[in-house]
Protein backbone atom coordinates (compact mmCIF):
# COMPACT_ATOMS: atom_id res chain seq x y z
CA MET A 1 -176.19 131.69 71.72
CA LYS A 2 -177.12 131.23 68.13
CA LYS A 3 -173.49 132.32 67.22
CA LEU A 4 -172.05 129.67 69.99
CA PHE A 5 -174.31 126.96 68.05
CA PHE A 6 -172.93 127.84 64.91
CA LEU A 7 -169.29 127.46 66.16
CA SER A 8 -170.23 124.33 67.65
CA ALA A 9 -171.73 122.80 64.36
CA LEU A 10 -168.73 124.00 62.43
CA PHE A 11 -166.50 122.54 64.92
CA PHE A 12 -168.09 119.15 64.70
CA GLN A 13 -168.39 119.26 61.07
CA ILE A 14 -164.73 120.17 60.81
CA TYR A 15 -164.03 117.39 62.96
CA PHE A 16 -165.49 114.61 61.57
CA ALA A 17 -164.84 115.66 57.65
CA GLN A 18 -161.05 115.18 59.30
CA ILE A 19 -162.19 111.53 60.44
CA ALA A 20 -163.50 110.92 57.05
CA TYR A 21 -160.28 112.21 55.43
CA SER A 22 -158.13 110.34 57.57
CA GLN A 23 -160.19 107.14 56.96
CA ASN A 24 -160.01 107.86 53.14
CA THR A 25 -156.45 108.13 52.79
CA SER A 26 -155.50 105.40 55.31
CA SER A 27 -157.69 102.83 53.13
CA TRP A 28 -156.33 103.75 49.75
CA PRO A 29 -156.75 101.79 47.57
CA SER A 30 -160.14 100.53 48.24
CA ARG A 31 -161.46 100.12 44.72
CA PRO A 32 -158.98 99.98 41.42
CA VAL A 33 -156.94 102.76 40.59
CA LYS A 34 -156.50 104.10 36.86
CA ILE A 35 -152.97 104.54 35.11
CA VAL A 36 -153.51 107.06 32.26
CA VAL A 37 -150.99 106.57 29.54
CA PRO A 38 -150.85 109.87 27.56
CA TYR A 39 -149.28 107.73 24.20
CA GLY A 40 -149.92 104.83 22.46
CA PRO A 41 -149.60 101.28 23.46
CA ALA A 42 -146.00 99.43 22.90
CA GLY A 43 -144.07 102.58 23.53
CA SER A 44 -141.35 102.97 26.27
CA SER A 45 -143.83 105.02 28.56
CA ASP A 46 -146.42 102.02 27.79
CA THR A 47 -143.98 99.36 28.80
CA LEU A 48 -142.90 101.19 32.13
CA ALA A 49 -146.76 101.69 32.85
CA ARG A 50 -147.27 98.05 32.68
CA ILE A 51 -144.32 97.15 34.74
CA VAL A 52 -145.14 99.21 37.59
CA SER A 53 -149.29 98.83 37.57
CA GLU A 54 -148.29 94.76 38.01
CA GLN A 55 -145.68 95.47 41.02
CA LEU A 56 -148.36 97.96 42.59
CA SER A 57 -151.33 95.65 41.93
CA GLN A 58 -149.40 92.92 43.78
CA THR A 59 -148.18 95.27 46.59
CA PHE A 60 -151.62 96.69 47.63
CA LYS A 61 -153.91 93.75 46.61
CA GLN A 62 -155.74 95.79 44.36
CA SER A 63 -155.99 96.76 40.47
CA PHE A 64 -153.71 99.03 38.65
CA ILE A 65 -155.79 99.72 35.15
CA ILE A 66 -153.70 100.97 32.27
CA ASP A 67 -155.70 103.66 30.16
CA ASN A 68 -153.97 104.94 26.64
CA LYS A 69 -154.97 108.30 25.89
CA ALA A 70 -152.69 109.20 22.90
CA GLY A 71 -152.53 112.39 21.14
CA ALA A 72 -150.65 115.91 21.10
CA GLY A 73 -147.41 115.04 22.91
CA GLY A 74 -149.00 113.37 25.89
CA THR A 75 -150.75 116.48 26.85
CA ILE A 76 -154.33 115.05 25.80
CA GLY A 77 -154.22 112.17 28.62
CA SER A 78 -152.29 114.51 30.71
CA GLU A 79 -154.80 117.35 30.79
CA PHE A 80 -157.62 114.67 31.39
CA VAL A 81 -155.80 113.32 34.66
CA ALA A 82 -155.10 117.21 35.68
CA LYS A 83 -158.85 118.01 36.09
CA SER A 84 -159.53 114.53 37.67
CA GLN A 85 -160.59 113.97 41.42
CA PRO A 86 -157.12 114.24 43.54
CA ASP A 87 -157.92 111.08 45.48
CA GLY A 88 -155.25 109.10 44.28
CA TYR A 89 -157.28 106.76 41.91
CA THR A 90 -156.60 108.78 38.65
CA LEU A 91 -152.88 108.58 37.68
CA VAL A 92 -150.74 109.39 34.93
CA ILE A 93 -147.38 108.67 33.29
CA SER A 94 -146.15 111.91 32.97
CA GLY A 95 -142.56 112.70 31.60
CA ILE A 96 -140.09 114.84 30.03
CA GLY A 97 -142.14 115.01 26.88
CA SER A 98 -145.13 115.93 28.31
CA HIS A 99 -144.26 117.61 31.37
CA VAL A 100 -141.07 119.48 30.23
CA ILE A 101 -141.32 119.70 26.19
CA ALA A 102 -145.12 119.53 25.56
CA PRO A 103 -146.41 122.65 27.36
CA ASN A 104 -143.84 125.22 25.34
CA LEU A 105 -145.53 123.56 22.06
CA TYR A 106 -148.95 123.29 23.45
CA PRO A 107 -149.42 126.25 25.76
CA ASN A 108 -152.49 126.59 27.64
CA LYS A 109 -153.33 123.35 28.10
CA TYR A 110 -152.28 122.84 31.85
CA ASP A 111 -149.23 123.91 34.16
CA PRO A 112 -146.68 121.11 34.42
CA VAL A 113 -145.91 122.02 38.08
CA LYS A 114 -149.14 123.57 39.55
CA ASP A 115 -151.47 121.47 38.03
CA PHE A 116 -150.10 117.83 39.06
CA THR A 117 -148.99 116.45 41.82
CA HIS A 118 -145.70 114.83 40.94
CA ILE A 119 -145.18 111.40 43.06
CA ALA A 120 -142.37 109.17 41.50
CA LEU A 121 -139.64 108.51 38.66
CA LEU A 122 -139.71 105.51 36.74
CA GLY A 123 -137.35 106.25 34.49
CA GLY A 124 -136.43 105.57 30.73
CA PRO A 125 -134.14 104.74 27.71
CA PRO A 126 -131.11 107.34 26.94
CA LEU A 127 -130.98 108.76 23.52
CA GLY A 128 -128.61 107.50 21.08
CA LEU A 129 -126.73 109.49 18.24
CA VAL A 130 -126.92 106.95 15.51
CA VAL A 131 -125.25 106.99 11.75
CA ASN A 132 -125.61 105.22 8.80
CA PRO A 133 -122.31 102.25 8.84
CA ASN A 134 -121.38 103.27 5.46
CA LEU A 135 -120.22 106.44 6.47
CA PRO A 136 -116.54 106.99 7.46
CA ILE A 137 -117.66 107.69 10.88
CA GLN A 138 -116.25 105.62 13.66
CA ASN A 139 -116.64 107.95 17.04
CA LEU A 140 -117.65 111.10 18.26
CA LYS A 141 -114.92 113.14 16.97
CA GLY A 142 -114.92 111.53 13.70
CA PHE A 143 -118.60 112.35 13.60
CA ILE A 144 -118.05 116.18 14.46
CA ASN A 145 -114.85 116.30 11.89
CA TYR A 146 -117.30 114.70 8.95
CA VAL A 147 -119.97 117.41 9.67
CA LYS A 148 -117.50 120.46 9.94
CA ASN A 149 -115.91 119.18 6.75
CA GLN A 150 -119.42 119.21 4.88
CA PRO A 151 -120.03 123.10 3.42
CA ASP A 152 -123.85 122.93 4.57
CA GLY A 153 -122.83 120.72 7.71
CA ILE A 154 -125.60 117.54 7.48
CA VAL A 155 -128.95 116.88 8.33
CA TYR A 156 -130.48 114.35 11.05
CA GLY A 157 -133.70 112.95 11.99
CA SER A 158 -135.42 112.45 15.31
CA PRO A 159 -139.11 111.16 16.01
CA GLY A 160 -140.74 114.71 15.72
CA ILE A 161 -140.45 118.65 15.97
CA GLY A 162 -140.23 119.31 19.75
CA THR A 163 -139.23 115.62 20.72
CA HIS A 164 -136.51 114.88 23.30
CA GLY A 165 -134.23 113.65 20.24
CA ASN A 166 -135.07 117.22 18.72
CA ILE A 167 -133.97 118.65 21.48
CA VAL A 168 -130.90 117.03 22.39
CA GLY A 169 -130.01 117.47 19.07
CA GLU A 170 -130.48 121.51 19.09
CA TYR A 171 -128.58 121.50 22.26
CA PHE A 172 -125.38 119.39 20.87
CA ALA A 173 -125.19 121.52 17.68
CA GLU A 174 -125.12 124.76 19.83
CA ILE A 175 -122.15 123.45 22.30
CA ALA A 176 -120.01 121.65 19.64
CA GLY A 177 -120.61 124.36 17.03
CA LEU A 178 -121.98 122.28 14.44
CA LYS A 179 -124.47 122.72 11.66
CA LEU A 180 -126.86 120.25 11.94
CA THR A 181 -129.98 120.71 10.17
CA HIS A 182 -133.35 118.89 11.67
CA ILE A 183 -135.97 116.89 10.00
CA GLY A 184 -138.64 115.92 12.34
CA TYR A 185 -140.60 112.15 11.55
CA LYS A 186 -143.32 110.55 12.46
CA GLY A 187 -141.70 108.16 15.10
CA GLY A 188 -138.51 106.76 15.42
CA SER A 189 -139.07 103.82 13.37
CA SER A 190 -139.26 106.06 10.25
CA VAL A 191 -135.89 107.68 11.29
CA VAL A 192 -134.22 104.62 11.53
CA ASN A 193 -135.58 102.88 8.73
CA ASP A 194 -134.01 106.30 6.56
CA ILE A 195 -130.82 105.73 7.99
CA VAL A 196 -130.57 102.15 7.38
CA GLY A 197 -131.69 102.94 3.68
CA GLY A 198 -128.83 105.57 2.84
CA GLN A 199 -131.84 108.70 2.52
CA LEU A 200 -130.44 110.30 6.04
CA PRO A 201 -126.90 110.51 7.35
CA ALA A 202 -127.79 110.54 11.45
CA GLY A 203 -130.27 110.65 13.92
CA ILE A 204 -131.04 111.23 17.64
CA ILE A 205 -133.63 108.43 18.51
CA THR A 206 -133.80 106.32 21.68
CA VAL A 207 -131.25 103.54 21.96
CA THR A 208 -134.08 101.21 22.55
CA SER A 209 -136.09 101.95 19.21
CA ALA A 210 -132.78 100.86 17.32
CA LYS A 211 -131.42 98.32 19.36
CA SER A 212 -131.82 95.44 16.97
CA LEU A 213 -130.69 97.09 13.91
CA ILE A 214 -127.34 98.35 15.92
CA GLN A 215 -126.88 94.61 17.00
CA ALA A 216 -127.07 93.77 13.50
CA ASN A 217 -124.50 96.38 12.18
CA LYS A 218 -127.10 98.28 10.04
CA LEU A 219 -126.77 101.38 12.54
CA ARG A 220 -123.65 102.44 14.19
CA LEU A 221 -124.50 103.59 17.82
CA ILE A 222 -121.87 106.70 18.28
CA ALA A 223 -122.40 107.80 21.73
CA ILE A 224 -125.09 107.98 24.31
CA THR A 225 -127.05 110.41 26.61
CA SER A 226 -127.10 107.77 29.93
CA ALA A 227 -125.08 108.82 33.02
CA LYS A 228 -123.02 105.48 32.34
CA ARG A 229 -122.10 103.02 29.46
CA LEU A 230 -125.09 100.36 28.92
CA GLU A 231 -124.97 97.00 29.78
CA ASN A 232 -126.45 95.79 26.51
CA PHE A 233 -123.37 98.44 24.93
CA PRO A 234 -120.65 98.34 26.86
CA ASN A 235 -118.32 99.51 24.14
CA VAL A 236 -120.26 102.23 23.53
CA PRO A 237 -119.18 105.55 25.55
CA THR A 238 -121.55 108.03 27.19
CA PHE A 239 -121.56 112.29 25.71
CA SER A 240 -120.38 113.19 29.35
CA GLU A 241 -117.14 110.74 28.96
CA LEU A 242 -116.57 112.44 25.68
CA GLY A 243 -117.10 115.87 26.97
CA TYR A 244 -120.48 116.86 27.00
CA PRO A 245 -121.61 116.18 30.29
CA LYS A 246 -124.66 118.97 29.31
CA LEU A 247 -125.87 116.37 27.06
CA THR A 248 -126.37 113.25 30.25
CA SER A 249 -130.32 113.07 29.68
CA THR A 250 -132.88 110.09 29.58
CA THR A 251 -136.15 110.26 27.84
CA TRP A 252 -137.56 109.77 31.19
CA PHE A 253 -141.18 108.76 32.62
CA SER A 254 -142.81 109.37 35.98
CA LEU A 255 -146.21 108.86 38.15
CA SER A 256 -148.11 111.76 38.75
CA GLY A 257 -151.37 112.83 39.74
CA PRO A 258 -153.96 115.97 39.86
CA ALA A 259 -152.79 118.60 41.95
CA GLY A 260 -154.05 118.41 45.77
CA MET A 261 -153.41 114.70 46.30
CA PRO A 262 -153.07 113.89 49.78
CA GLU A 263 -149.36 113.19 51.03
CA THR A 264 -150.25 110.32 52.63
CA ILE A 265 -151.07 108.64 49.48
CA THR A 266 -148.42 110.47 47.45
CA ASN A 267 -145.77 108.92 49.80
CA LYS A 268 -147.35 105.79 49.93
CA ILE A 269 -147.28 105.29 45.97
CA ASN A 270 -143.76 106.75 46.09
CA ALA A 271 -142.11 104.33 48.28
CA ALA A 272 -144.18 101.53 46.54
CA VAL A 273 -142.87 102.20 43.14
CA ASN A 274 -139.26 103.02 44.31
CA GLU A 275 -139.65 99.22 45.84
CA ALA A 276 -141.45 97.73 42.73
CA MET A 277 -138.78 99.16 40.42
CA THR A 278 -135.74 97.30 42.09
CA THR A 279 -137.25 94.01 42.07
CA PRO A 280 -135.37 91.40 40.19
CA LEU A 281 -138.27 91.24 37.34
CA ALA A 282 -138.23 94.87 37.20
CA LYS A 283 -134.60 95.25 37.09
CA GLU A 284 -133.94 92.55 34.28
CA ARG A 285 -137.06 94.02 32.30
CA LEU A 286 -135.67 97.54 32.72
CA THR A 287 -132.22 96.17 31.28
CA PHE A 288 -133.35 94.36 28.85
CA GLU A 289 -135.34 97.60 27.65
CA ASP A 290 -132.34 99.63 28.18
CA MET A 291 -133.86 101.76 30.61
CA GLU A 292 -132.51 103.35 34.00
CA PHE A 293 -134.07 103.80 37.21
CA GLN A 294 -133.10 105.88 40.09
CA ALA A 295 -135.21 106.00 43.52
CA MET A 296 -136.04 109.68 44.63
CA GLY A 297 -138.43 110.65 47.39
CA ALA A 298 -141.85 112.60 46.15
CA GLU A 299 -139.80 115.69 47.53
CA ALA A 300 -136.59 115.06 45.44
CA PHE A 301 -138.49 113.98 42.90
CA ASN A 302 -140.33 117.70 42.41
CA LYS A 303 -137.15 119.36 42.50
CA PHE A 304 -135.78 116.97 39.78
CA ILE A 305 -138.76 117.95 37.45
CA GLN A 306 -138.20 121.84 38.20
CA SER A 307 -134.35 121.15 37.23
CA GLU A 308 -135.40 119.64 34.37
CA ILE A 309 -137.72 122.36 33.07
CA LEU A 310 -135.21 124.89 33.81
CA THR A 311 -132.58 122.51 31.69
CA TRP A 312 -134.70 121.73 28.52
CA GLY A 313 -137.48 123.90 28.94
CA GLY A 314 -135.65 127.22 27.15
CA ILE A 315 -134.67 124.99 24.35
CA SER A 316 -137.73 123.46 23.66
CA LYS A 317 -139.48 127.13 23.64
CA LYS A 318 -136.50 128.04 20.90
CA ILE A 319 -137.58 125.11 19.21
CA GLN A 320 -140.83 125.94 19.14
CA LEU A 321 -140.54 129.77 18.18
CA GLN A 322 -138.28 128.56 15.42
CA ASN A 323 -140.74 126.13 13.64
CA LYS A 324 -144.13 129.08 14.10
């Protein structure tokens, strides 16, 4: 009899828990949602966070609040979210930096796949190979010939050791057979300043960070890593069309949450993000920032992340070992 009573009590406990769970997921969001940006204000990640938060606030009639928690290549803010409750009220701007590259530079912080629920791709800017316009380099072929004609090759700059620019630069050197020596700076603006000033011949940085100087002819943009040419730079070819399809990549950002988020909430956010990022206002802002967006379902997005880890994870690990 006691056993029967225990089983009955357990049944009702599970039954009412399922009802409560269903109500919680169906009514989400019933209070403000925090979106952690693991980088400082004004960068590409912050811009995308504000674009999507404004749109989601309108869609769900609830506040989506930005919280910048910068540091350690995006791992501080990301780790904070990984340890949060998976109820859909604490999300993070994830991306290639924090979830593909940084785990090799800052191991034991978190598992980029197992510790997160990856929800939706937001997009991001491509990288560009830029050179000082006073150099006798007009295109990628000219850049390659110039490097090969220097006994010791040349140096190039990126926003820092292990950044996306560094990863792409090392991969380019490997597949093109070039001797490129990396110099890590503290941010893209420092790279740009030294190229313009003649202290540095070349750099690989986001097109967004160099846009105004490229347009002012103080920097020469040789090639970009996007899948297609940019509207703002229609005469600049992609690496892919120049024979380097493996260099097709963007400094992409995405929206993720802690592992174990309810699938109903994940799918709800994913659908809302895909709709939000294709509104006329969002499209206009993305184009202005030279950013690309590609709508993906949650399952497809998770496969995309795993493929990015396979593609770039090994290269970032190699760079990490070289700089120990």
